[in-house]
Amino acid sequence: MRGIAFVDDAVVVTTKLEPPIEDLDSLTPDWDMLDWSHYKYIPLNCRLAVPNFARGCPFPCSFCSQWKFWRTYRTRDPKKFVELCEELVRRDLGVKHRRRWKRRTTWRSTAILIW
């Protein structure tokens, strides 16, 4: 099995890495499985959702592990990401505050046009 690590007789054993999922649009969040009462944005005292726009980072900063952990920088299609956010509104889950998660949304020039 790829992508696991375990200890066998005091020796750490790791298997080959599972390749990263390149098409983030193929990942569909299941908003219904969340207990939304636990997702509060304290400064505004309202329900919070954090849709994920990207994984990884294109910069190998020595103080951060994102680039190493995720290995490559991949993003969702910006239009599909907006549709994902709009779905949260349509589903009326009580979400009053949304944050896009990834500080580097503008790394792709197409994302700049939407935000």
Protein backbone atom coordinates (compact mmCIF):
# COMPACT_ATOMS: atom_id res chain seq x y z
CA MET A 1 0.00 0.00 0.00
CA ARG A 2 1.38 3.40 -1.00
CA GLY A 3 1.65 6.43 1.22
CA ILE A 4 1.92 4.88 4.67
CA ALA A 5 4.55 4.75 7.40
CA PHE A 6 4.75 2.40 10.36
CA VAL A 7 7.19 1.02 12.92
CA ASP A 8 8.30 -2.60 12.59
CA ASP A 9 10.65 -3.90 15.31
CA ALA A 10 11.73 -0.35 16.21
CA VAL A 11 12.46 0.48 12.54
CA VAL A 12 10.42 3.12 10.71
CA VAL A 13 9.18 1.72 7.41
CA THR A 14 7.76 3.97 4.67
CA THR A 15 6.16 2.97 1.42
CA LYS A 16 6.28 4.80 -1.90
CA LEU A 17 4.28 8.00 -2.00
CA GLU A 18 0.80 8.01 -3.45
CA PRO A 19 0.78 10.43 -6.38
CA PRO A 20 -1.00 13.71 -5.59
CA ILE A 21 -4.50 14.24 -6.92
CA GLU A 22 -3.97 16.57 -9.85
CA ASP A 23 -7.63 17.32 -10.61
CA LEU A 24 -8.91 19.04 -7.46
CA ASP A 25 -12.24 19.63 -9.21
CA SER A 26 -12.81 15.88 -9.00
CA LEU A 27 -13.00 16.21 -5.20
CA THR A 28 -16.50 17.07 -4.08
CA PRO A 29 -17.02 18.10 -0.47
CA ASP A 30 -19.86 16.41 1.38
CA TRP A 31 -21.25 19.40 3.24
CA ASP A 32 -23.98 17.24 4.84
CA MET A 33 -21.57 15.19 6.93
CA LEU A 34 -20.45 18.23 8.95
CA ASP A 35 -21.96 19.26 12.26
CA TRP A 36 -22.19 22.92 11.28
CA SER A 37 -22.77 24.04 14.87
CA HIS A 38 -19.03 23.53 15.46
CA TYR A 39 -17.95 25.87 12.65
CA LYS A 40 -18.09 29.34 14.16
CA TYR A 41 -16.23 32.44 13.12
CA ILE A 42 -15.84 34.01 16.54
CA PRO A 43 -15.14 37.63 15.47
CA LEU A 44 -18.52 37.78 13.68
CA ASN A 45 -20.28 35.12 15.79
CA CYS A 46 -21.57 33.30 12.74
CA ARG A 47 -21.21 29.99 10.94
CA LEU A 48 -18.04 29.62 8.87
CA ALA A 49 -17.14 27.56 5.79
CA VAL A 50 -13.64 27.27 4.34
CA PRO A 51 -13.73 25.84 0.81
CA ASN A 52 -10.31 24.79 -0.44
CA PHE A 53 -9.09 26.46 -3.63
CA ALA A 54 -5.65 24.87 -3.85
CA ARG A 55 -3.22 22.39 -2.37
CA GLY A 56 0.48 22.88 -2.01
CA CYS A 57 2.63 25.89 -2.65
CA PRO A 58 5.01 26.87 -5.45
CA PHE A 59 7.56 28.33 -3.02
CA PRO A 60 10.02 26.13 -1.03
CA CYS A 61 10.24 28.31 2.10
CA SER A 62 12.51 26.88 4.79
CA PHE A 63 10.04 27.75 7.57
CA CYS A 64 7.01 26.02 6.02
CA SER A 65 6.20 22.43 5.10
CA GLN A 66 3.32 23.03 2.64
CA TRP A 67 5.50 22.64 -0.46
CA LYS A 68 7.07 19.45 0.93
CA PHE A 69 3.89 17.91 2.28
CA TRP A 70 1.74 18.50 -0.81
CA ARG A 71 4.69 18.26 -3.26
CA THR A 72 3.12 20.22 -6.10
CA TYR A 73 0.91 23.29 -6.31
CA ARG A 74 -2.51 22.52 -7.76
CA THR A 75 -5.64 24.65 -7.95
CA ARG A 76 -9.28 24.20 -8.70
CA ASP A 77 -10.73 25.82 -11.79
CA PRO A 78 -11.61 29.34 -10.53
CA LYS A 79 -15.12 29.28 -12.01
CA LYS A 80 -15.84 25.87 -10.47
CA PHE A 81 -14.54 27.15 -7.15
CA VAL A 82 -17.00 30.05 -7.26
CA GLU A 83 -19.76 27.54 -8.07
CA LEU A 84 -18.70 25.51 -5.04
CA CYS A 85 -18.99 28.62 -2.85
CA GLU A 86 -22.37 29.48 -4.37
CA GLU A 87 -23.56 25.97 -3.52
CA LEU A 88 -22.99 26.73 0.16
CA VAL A 89 -25.35 29.69 -0.17
CA ARG A 90 -27.99 27.75 -2.16
CA ARG A 91 -28.01 24.85 0.30
CA ASP A 92 -28.96 27.24 3.13
CA LEU A 93 -26.67 25.61 5.69
CA GLY A 94 -26.62 28.76 7.76
CA VAL A 95 -23.18 29.76 6.55
CA LYS A 96 -22.83 33.52 6.93
CA HIS A 97 -19.07 33.82 6.46
CA ARG A 98 -16.90 32.15 3.84
CA ARG A 99 -13.15 32.22 3.54
CA ARG A 100 -11.28 30.93 0.56
CA TRP A 101 -8.47 28.80 1.82
CA LYS A 102 -5.12 29.39 0.21
CA ARG A 103 -3.14 32.50 0.61
CA ARG A 104 -1.79 32.11 -2.90
CA THR A 105 -5.07 32.30 -4.83
CA THR A 106 -3.59 34.94 -7.10
CA TRP A 107 -0.66 32.74 -8.11
CA ARG A 108 -2.73 31.78 -11.16
CA SER A 109 -3.63 34.83 -13.23
CA THR A 110 -7.04 33.35 -14.11
CA ALA A 111 -7.96 33.37 -10.42
CA ILE A 112 -7.34 37.11 -10.23
CA LEU A 113 -10.11 37.77 -12.75
CA ILE A 114 -12.73 36.09 -10.56
CA TRP A 115 -11.81 37.51 -7.17
